[in-house]
């Protein structure tokens, strides 16, 4: 049965208030408009299964599409060619070395424009400074050639975007992210949509209702990601 149309909630500028239940909305998943990008609101959104995504000259738009996409270690697919790239090495992995740089690169040079607007960049850098947003970087010498960033709420990690400046380096970043995050105790790795790129790595979709249930459980866990840097350093040495 097709879900009836429900108007997105108009959020106040402050305080954060609440987000509506995403499961009351259609598959496109626009659940709220307005508000701000303050840390408290952003963390509440991710905990609720919602993320901001909008372009220039609009107010913040808050989404929870159905279905949602995940990556998990047991379903991670590393092709033979990617395995060879990883074994060959010639790159180094770091954690939280240059979050703002990674996020900036993720928004650069996109033909259809970017949602990583100046206010979005500032908001997520603030989350990073507070310990809630993280980046994984791939280097060839002193050159940043790939990376991914996302938001952590307890045992939930929402990967927001990735980039590469050398062949396969965004895939290298995602493989390292999956392996290191789950080793550190992350229970749910959200990638929003199953794109062609993510499908090659084994991304899969689950119903939004299941996602929201699992996100709430994972977000309530206490997970410390400080050990990820050590895991990546060991991977570099290996």
Foldseek 3Di string as FASTA:
>chain_A
DFQDADDAAEADQDDLPAWDQQVNHGQFFFRYWAYALAPVNQLRQLLQQKHWFDDPPGTTTIGRHWWFKFDAPVQFDQDPVNVVVLVVDLKAKAKQPDVLVFLVQQQPDDPVHGRCDPRNSVSVVVCVVVPFKMKMFIGRVPDTAKIWMFGDQALETEIDGMGGNDPCRPVVHVVLVNVLSVVQPRDTYTDGDCDPVNVNGRMDIDTSVVVSVVSNVRNPHHTDSPCSRVVRVVSNVD
